[in-house]
């Protein structure tokens, strides 16, 4: 999981995909189609990043998610 310096943990497409059980390409598609929330940050290389809590909240509400 990614960290930005000494700041809080931030997730990339790979960590989000792992969390929800899909491929990273699927998460990228979610973003292109406006399904994924806006990123919480963008790293110096321009890659979007999300706080784990943002992803967890979104994944609980997303269509097709498995409610446990």
PDB file of N, CA and C in Angstrom:
ATOM      1  N   UNK A   1       0.840  -1.180   0.000  1.00  0.00           N
ATOM      2  CA  UNK A   1       0.000   0.000   0.000  1.00  0.00           C
ATOM      3  C   UNK A   1       0.883   1.240   0.000  1.00  0.00           C
ATOM      4  N   UNK A   2       0.423   2.242  -0.636  1.00  0.00           N
ATOM      5  CA  UNK A   2       1.229   3.423  -0.858  1.00  0.00           C
ATOM      6  C   UNK A   2       1.209   4.360   0.332  1.00  0.00           C
ATOM      7  N   UNK A   3       2.329   5.022   0.495  1.00  0.00           N
ATOM      8  CA  UNK A   3       2.424   6.095   1.489  1.00  0.00           C
ATOM      9  C   UNK A   3       3.065   7.284   0.811  1.00  0.00           C
ATOM     10  N   UNK A   4       2.603   8.441   1.142  1.00  0.00           N
ATOM     11  CA  UNK A   4       3.171   9.663   0.604  1.00  0.00           C
ATOM     12  C   UNK A   4       4.031  10.299   1.686  1.00  0.00           C
ATOM     13  N   UNK A   5       5.351  10.091   1.604  1.00  0.00           N
ATOM     14  CA  UNK A   5       6.241  10.611   2.641  1.00  0.00           C
ATOM     15  C   UNK A   5       5.874  10.025   3.978  1.00  0.00           C
ATOM     16  N   UNK A   6       5.707  10.868   4.965  1.00  0.00           N
ATOM     17  CA  UNK A   6       5.302  10.418   6.302  1.00  0.00           C
ATOM     18  C   UNK A   6       3.816  10.657   6.546  1.00  0.00           C
ATOM     19  N   UNK A   7       3.094  11.000   5.502  1.00  0.00           N
ATOM     20  CA  UNK A   7       1.677  11.300   5.642  1.00  0.00           C
ATOM     21  C   UNK A   7       0.832  10.048   5.752  1.00  0.00           C
ATOM     22  N   UNK A   8      -0.473  10.231   5.741  1.00  0.00           N
ATOM     23  CA  UNK A   8      -1.395   9.098   5.875  1.00  0.00           C
ATOM     24  C   UNK A   8      -1.317   8.176   4.660  1.00  0.00           C
ATOM     25  N   UNK A   9      -1.742   6.960   4.880  1.00  0.00           N
ATOM     26  CA  UNK A   9      -1.763   5.961   3.820  1.00  0.00           C
ATOM     27  C   UNK A   9      -2.739   6.376   2.717  1.00  0.00           C
ATOM     28  N   UNK A  10      -2.346   6.176   1.491  1.00  0.00           N
ATOM     29  CA  UNK A  10      -3.187   6.444   0.334  1.00  0.00           C
ATOM     30  C   UNK A  10      -3.162   5.226  -0.580  1.00  0.00           C
ATOM     31  N   UNK A  11      -4.299   4.894  -1.168  1.00  0.00           N
ATOM     32  CA  UNK A  11      -4.404   3.719  -2.037  1.00  0.00           C
ATOM     33  C   UNK A  11      -4.389   4.117  -3.500  1.00  0.00           C
ATOM     34  N   UNK A  12      -3.748   3.263  -4.295  1.00  0.00           N
ATOM     35  CA  UNK A  12      -3.735   3.396  -5.750  1.00  0.00           C
ATOM     36  C   UNK A  12      -4.832   2.502  -6.330  1.00  0.00           C
ATOM     37  N   UNK A  13      -4.901   2.468  -7.646  1.00  0.00           N
ATOM     38  CA  UNK A  13      -5.847   1.565  -8.303  1.00  0.00           C
ATOM     39  C   UNK A  13      -5.631   0.119  -7.859  1.00  0.00           C
ATOM     40  N   UNK A  14      -4.370  -0.277  -7.683  1.00  0.00           N
ATOM     41  CA  UNK A  14      -4.068  -1.654  -7.306  1.00  0.00           C
ATOM     42  C   UNK A  14      -4.636  -2.016  -5.934  1.00  0.00           C
ATOM     43  N   UNK A  15      -4.471  -1.148  -4.965  1.00  0.00           N
ATOM     44  CA  UNK A  15      -5.004  -1.427  -3.629  1.00  0.00           C
ATOM     45  C   UNK A  15      -6.532  -1.427  -3.622  1.00  0.00           C
ATOM     46  N   UNK A  16      -7.123  -0.521  -4.365  1.00  0.00           N
ATOM     47  CA  UNK A  16      -8.592  -0.504  -4.448  1.00  0.00           C
ATOM     48  C   UNK A  16      -9.088  -1.800  -5.077  1.00  0.00           C
ATOM     49  N   UNK A  17      -8.445  -2.203  -6.169  1.00  0.00           N
ATOM     50  CA  UNK A  17      -8.838  -3.444  -6.850  1.00  0.00           C
ATOM     51  C   UNK A  17      -8.739  -4.636  -5.918  1.00  0.00           C
ATOM     52  N   UNK A  18      -7.663  -4.710  -5.175  1.00  0.00           N
ATOM     53  CA  UNK A  18      -7.472  -5.810  -4.221  1.00  0.00           C
ATOM     54  C   UNK A  18      -8.581  -5.792  -3.171  1.00  0.00           C
ATOM     55  N   UNK A  19      -8.923  -4.617  -2.698  1.00  0.00           N
ATOM     56  CA  UNK A  19      -9.939  -4.484  -1.648  1.00  0.00           C
ATOM     57  C   UNK A  19     -11.317  -4.952  -2.118  1.00  0.00           C
ATOM     58  N   UNK A  20     -11.674  -4.633  -3.358  1.00  0.00           N
ATOM     59  CA  UNK A  20     -13.020  -4.980  -3.827  1.00  0.00           C
ATOM     60  C   UNK A  20     -13.047  -6.236  -4.690  1.00  0.00           C
ATOM     61  N   UNK A  21     -11.882  -6.841  -4.945  1.00  0.00           N
ATOM     62  CA  UNK A  21     -11.842  -8.114  -5.660  1.00  0.00           C
ATOM     63  C   UNK A  21     -12.024  -8.022  -7.164  1.00  0.00           C
ATOM     64  N   UNK A  22     -11.475  -6.961  -7.757  1.00  0.00           N
ATOM     65  CA  UNK A  22     -11.520  -6.810  -9.214  1.00  0.00           C
ATOM     66  C   UNK A  22     -10.110  -6.496  -9.717  1.00  0.00           C
ATOM     67  N   UNK A  23      -9.972  -6.376 -11.025  1.00  0.00           N
ATOM     68  CA  UNK A  23      -8.674  -6.024 -11.614  1.00  0.00           C
ATOM     69  C   UNK A  23      -8.476  -4.507 -11.587  1.00  0.00           C
ATOM     70  N   UNK A  24      -7.223  -4.043 -11.530  1.00  0.00           N
ATOM     71  CA  UNK A  24      -6.973  -2.594 -11.556  1.00  0.00           C
ATOM     72  C   UNK A  24      -7.603  -1.895 -12.768  1.00  0.00           C
ATOM     73  N   UNK A  25      -7.659  -2.580 -13.899  1.00  0.00           N
ATOM     74  CA  UNK A  25      -8.270  -1.985 -15.091  1.00  0.00           C
ATOM     75  C   UNK A  25      -9.755  -1.697 -14.860  1.00  0.00           C
ATOM     76  N   UNK A  26     -10.401  -2.523 -14.067  1.00  0.00           N
ATOM     77  CA  UNK A  26     -11.815  -2.302 -13.749  1.00  0.00           C
ATOM     78  C   UNK A  26     -11.974  -1.033 -12.917  1.00  0.00           C
ATOM     79  N   UNK A  27     -11.076  -0.837 -11.969  1.00  0.00           N
ATOM     80  CA  UNK A  27     -11.132   0.370 -11.130  1.00  0.00           C
ATOM     81  C   UNK A  27     -10.893   1.611 -11.988  1.00  0.00           C
ATOM     82  N   UNK A  28      -9.949   1.529 -12.924  1.00  0.00           N
ATOM     83  CA  UNK A  28      -9.719   2.662 -13.831  1.00  0.00           C
ATOM     84  C   UNK A  28     -10.982   2.959 -14.641  1.00  0.00           C
ATOM     85  N   UNK A  29     -11.655   1.908 -15.085  1.00  0.00           N
ATOM     86  CA  UNK A  29     -12.906   2.084 -15.830  1.00  0.00           C
ATOM     87  C   UNK A  29     -13.964   2.749 -14.954  1.00  0.00           C
ATOM     88  N   UNK A  30     -14.053   2.343 -13.689  1.00  0.00           N
ATOM     89  CA  UNK A  30     -14.992   2.984 -12.760  1.00  0.00           C
ATOM     90  C   UNK A  30     -14.726   4.482 -12.697  1.00  0.00           C
ATOM     91  N   UNK A  31     -13.453   4.858 -12.645  1.00  0.00           N
ATOM     92  CA  UNK A  31     -13.134   6.282 -12.571  1.00  0.00           C
ATOM     93  C   UNK A  31     -13.529   7.000 -13.856  1.00  0.00           C
ATOM     94  N   UNK A  32     -13.220   6.410 -15.002  1.00  0.00           N
ATOM     95  CA  UNK A  32     -13.577   7.033 -16.288  1.00  0.00           C
ATOM     96  C   UNK A  32     -15.079   7.231 -16.424  1.00  0.00           C
ATOM     97  N   UNK A  33     -15.850   6.324 -15.845  1.00  0.00           N
ATOM     98  CA  UNK A  33     -17.310   6.392 -15.945  1.00  0.00           C
ATOM     99  C   UNK A  33     -17.962   7.122 -14.769  1.00  0.00           C
ATOM    100  N   UNK A  34     -17.156   7.725 -13.907  1.00  0.00           N
ATOM    101  CA  UNK A  34     -17.692   8.506 -12.798  1.00  0.00           C
ATOM    102  C   UNK A  34     -18.254   7.678 -11.660  1.00  0.00           C
ATOM    103  N   UNK A  35     -17.880   6.395 -11.583  1.00  0.00           N
ATOM    104  CA  UNK A  35     -18.387   5.518 -10.526  1.00  0.00           C
ATOM    105  C   UNK A  35     -17.532   5.623  -9.271  1.00  0.00           C
ATOM    106  N   UNK A  36     -16.241   5.790  -9.452  1.00  0.00           N
ATOM    107  CA  UNK A  36     -15.297   5.909  -8.338  1.00  0.00           C
ATOM    108  C   UNK A  36     -15.315   7.349  -7.822  1.00  0.00           C
ATOM    109  N   UNK A  37     -15.219   7.547  -6.514  1.00  0.00           N
ATOM    110  CA  UNK A  37     -15.188   8.936  -6.024  1.00  0.00           C
ATOM    111  C   UNK A  37     -13.938   9.669  -6.511  1.00  0.00           C
ATOM    112  N   UNK A  38     -14.004  10.982  -6.492  1.00  0.00           N
ATOM    113  CA  UNK A  38     -12.836  11.780  -6.850  1.00  0.00           C
ATOM    114  C   UNK A  38     -11.682  11.414  -5.931  1.00  0.00           C
ATOM    115  N   UNK A  39     -10.455  11.463  -6.434  1.00  0.00           N
ATOM    116  CA  UNK A  39      -9.311  11.135  -5.579  1.00  0.00           C
ATOM    117  C   UNK A  39      -9.158  12.132  -4.434  1.00  0.00           C
ATOM    118  N   UNK A  40      -8.621  11.615  -3.332  1.00  0.00           N
ATOM    119  CA  UNK A  40      -8.331  12.474  -2.181  1.00  0.00           C
ATOM    120  C   UNK A  40      -7.041  13.251  -2.388  1.00  0.00           C
ATOM    121  N   UNK A  41      -6.176  12.736  -3.241  1.00  0.00           N
ATOM    122  CA  UNK A  41      -4.886  13.376  -3.498  1.00  0.00           C
ATOM    123  C   UNK A  41      -4.377  12.915  -4.853  1.00  0.00           C
ATOM    124  N   UNK A  42      -3.404  13.648  -5.360  1.00  0.00           N
ATOM    125  CA  UNK A  42      -2.698  13.265  -6.577  1.00  0.00           C
ATOM    126  C   UNK A  42      -1.218  13.309  -6.238  1.00  0.00           C
ATOM    127  N   UNK A  43      -0.505  12.218  -6.541  1.00  0.00           N
ATOM    128  CA  UNK A  43       0.917  12.179  -6.183  1.00  0.00           C
ATOM    129  C   UNK A  43       1.730  13.065  -7.131  1.00  0.00           C
ATOM    130  N   UNK A  44       3.025  13.280  -6.842  1.00  0.00           N
ATOM    131  CA  UNK A  44       3.838  14.169  -7.676  1.00  0.00           C
ATOM    132  C   UNK A  44       3.910  13.750  -9.149  1.00  0.00           C
ATOM    133  N   UNK A  45       3.689  12.468  -9.424  1.00  0.00           N
ATOM    134  CA  UNK A  45       3.713  11.991 -10.812  1.00  0.00           C
ATOM    135  C   UNK A  45       2.345  12.145 -11.488  1.00  0.00           C
ATOM    136  N   UNK A  46       1.351  12.692 -10.768  1.00  0.00           N
ATOM    137  CA  UNK A  46       0.025  12.907 -11.334  1.00  0.00           C
ATOM    138  C   UNK A  46      -0.926  11.732 -11.190  1.00  0.00           C
ATOM    139  N   UNK A  47      -0.539  10.726 -10.392  1.00  0.00           N
ATOM    140  CA  UNK A  47      -1.405   9.552 -10.202  1.00  0.00           C
ATOM    141  C   UNK A  47      -2.384   9.796  -9.059  1.00  0.00           C
ATOM    142  N   UNK A  48      -3.662   9.445  -9.269  1.00  0.00           N
ATOM    143  CA  UNK A  48      -4.662   9.655  -8.222  1.00  0.00           C
ATOM    144  C   UNK A  48      -4.469   8.672  -7.073  1.00  0.00           C
ATOM    145  N   UNK A  49      -4.823   9.131  -5.875  1.00  0.00           N
ATOM    146  CA  UNK A  49      -4.728   8.304  -4.669  1.00  0.00           C
ATOM    147  C   UNK A  49      -5.948   8.579  -3.798  1.00  0.00           C
ATOM    148  N   UNK A  50      -6.360   7.540  -3.037  1.00  0.00           N
ATOM    149  CA  UNK A  50      -7.537   7.626  -2.170  1.00  0.00           C
ATOM    150  C   UNK A  50      -7.194   7.144  -0.774  1.00  0.00           C
ATOM    151  N   UNK A  51      -7.815   7.768   0.225  1.00  0.00           N
ATOM    152  CA  UNK A  51      -7.693   7.267   1.593  1.00  0.00           C
ATOM    153  C   UNK A  51      -8.474   5.961   1.698  1.00  0.00           C
ATOM    154  N   UNK A  52      -7.976   4.991   2.449  1.00  0.00           N
ATOM    155  CA  UNK A  52      -8.708   3.731   2.614  1.00  0.00           C
ATOM    156  C   UNK A  52     -10.144   3.929   3.081  1.00  0.00           C
ATOM    157  N   UNK A  53     -10.383   4.873   3.992  1.00  0.00           N
ATOM    158  CA  UNK A  53     -11.755   5.104   4.474  1.00  0.00           C
ATOM    159  C   UNK A  53     -12.676   5.594   3.358  1.00  0.00           C
ATOM    160  N   UNK A  54     -12.149   6.391   2.432  1.00  0.00           N
ATOM    161  CA  UNK A  54     -12.940   6.834   1.284  1.00  0.00           C
ATOM    162  C   UNK A  54     -13.376   5.632   0.456  1.00  0.00           C
ATOM    163  N   UNK A  55     -12.434   4.732   0.208  1.00  0.00           N
ATOM    164  CA  UNK A  55     -12.721   3.541  -0.601  1.00  0.00           C
ATOM    165  C   UNK A  55     -13.683   2.615   0.128  1.00  0.00           C
ATOM    166  N   UNK A  56     -13.473   2.420   1.414  1.00  0.00           N
ATOM    167  CA  UNK A  56     -14.363   1.524   2.177  1.00  0.00           C
ATOM    168  C   UNK A  56     -15.804   2.038   2.172  1.00  0.00           C
ATOM    169  N   UNK A  57     -15.976   3.321   2.380  1.00  0.00           N
ATOM    170  CA  UNK A  57     -17.322   3.906   2.372  1.00  0.00           C
ATOM    171  C   UNK A  57     -17.952   3.764   0.995  1.00  0.00           C
ATOM    172  N   UNK A  58     -17.204   4.083  -0.053  1.00  0.00           N
ATOM    173  CA  UNK A  58     -17.704   3.951  -1.410  1.00  0.00           C
ATOM    174  C   UNK A  58     -18.067   2.496  -1.717  1.00  0.00           C
ATOM    175  N   UNK A  59     -17.210   1.555  -1.317  1.00  0.00           N
ATOM    176  CA  UNK A  59     -17.456   0.155  -1.672  1.00  0.00           C
ATOM    177  C   UNK A  59     -18.695  -0.396  -0.970  1.00  0.00           C
ATOM    178  N   UNK A  60     -19.027   0.130   0.210  1.00  0.00           N
ATOM    179  CA  UNK A  60     -20.260  -0.298   0.896  1.00  0.00           C
ATOM    180  C   UNK A  60     -21.507   0.146   0.144  1.00  0.00           C
ATOM    181  N   UNK A  61     -21.400   1.263  -0.572  1.00  0.00           N
ATOM    182  CA  UNK A  61     -22.572   1.833  -1.248  1.00  0.00           C
ATOM    183  C   UNK A  61     -22.624   1.536  -2.738  1.00  0.00           C
ATOM    184  N   UNK A  62     -21.549   1.010  -3.317  1.00  0.00           N
ATOM    185  CA  UNK A  62     -21.515   0.848  -4.773  1.00  0.00           C
ATOM    186  C   UNK A  62     -22.480  -0.239  -5.237  1.00  0.00           C
ATOM    187  N   UNK A  63     -23.061  -0.053  -6.405  1.00  0.00           N
ATOM    188  CA  UNK A  63     -23.961  -1.069  -6.946  1.00  0.00           C
ATOM    189  C   UNK A  63     -23.235  -2.404  -7.118  1.00  0.00           C
ATOM    190  N   UNK A  64     -23.898  -3.474  -6.773  1.00  0.00           N
ATOM    191  CA  UNK A  64     -23.323  -4.791  -6.946  1.00  0.00           C
ATOM    192  C   UNK A  64     -22.391  -5.227  -5.832  1.00  0.00           C
ATOM    193  N   UNK A  65     -22.195  -4.376  -4.825  1.00  0.00           N
ATOM    194  CA  UNK A  65     -21.302  -4.765  -3.737  1.00  0.00           C
ATOM    195  C   UNK A  65     -21.984  -5.819  -2.889  1.00  0.00           C
ATOM    196  N   UNK A  66     -21.161  -6.675  -2.325  1.00  0.00           N
ATOM    197  CA  UNK A  66     -21.705  -7.733  -1.468  1.00  0.00           C
ATOM    198  C   UNK A  66     -21.836  -7.208  -0.047  1.00  0.00           C
ATOM    199  N   UNK A  67     -23.031  -7.171   0.447  1.00  0.00           N
ATOM    200  CA  UNK A  67     -23.279  -6.725   1.815  1.00  0.00           C
ATOM    201  C   UNK A  67     -23.080  -7.910   2.741  1.00  0.00           C
ATOM    202  N   UNK A  68     -22.207  -7.737   3.720  1.00  0.00           N
ATOM    203  CA  UNK A  68     -21.942  -8.835   4.659  1.00  0.00           C
ATOM    204  C   UNK A  68     -22.562  -8.516   5.991  1.00  0.00           C
TER     205      UNK A  68
END
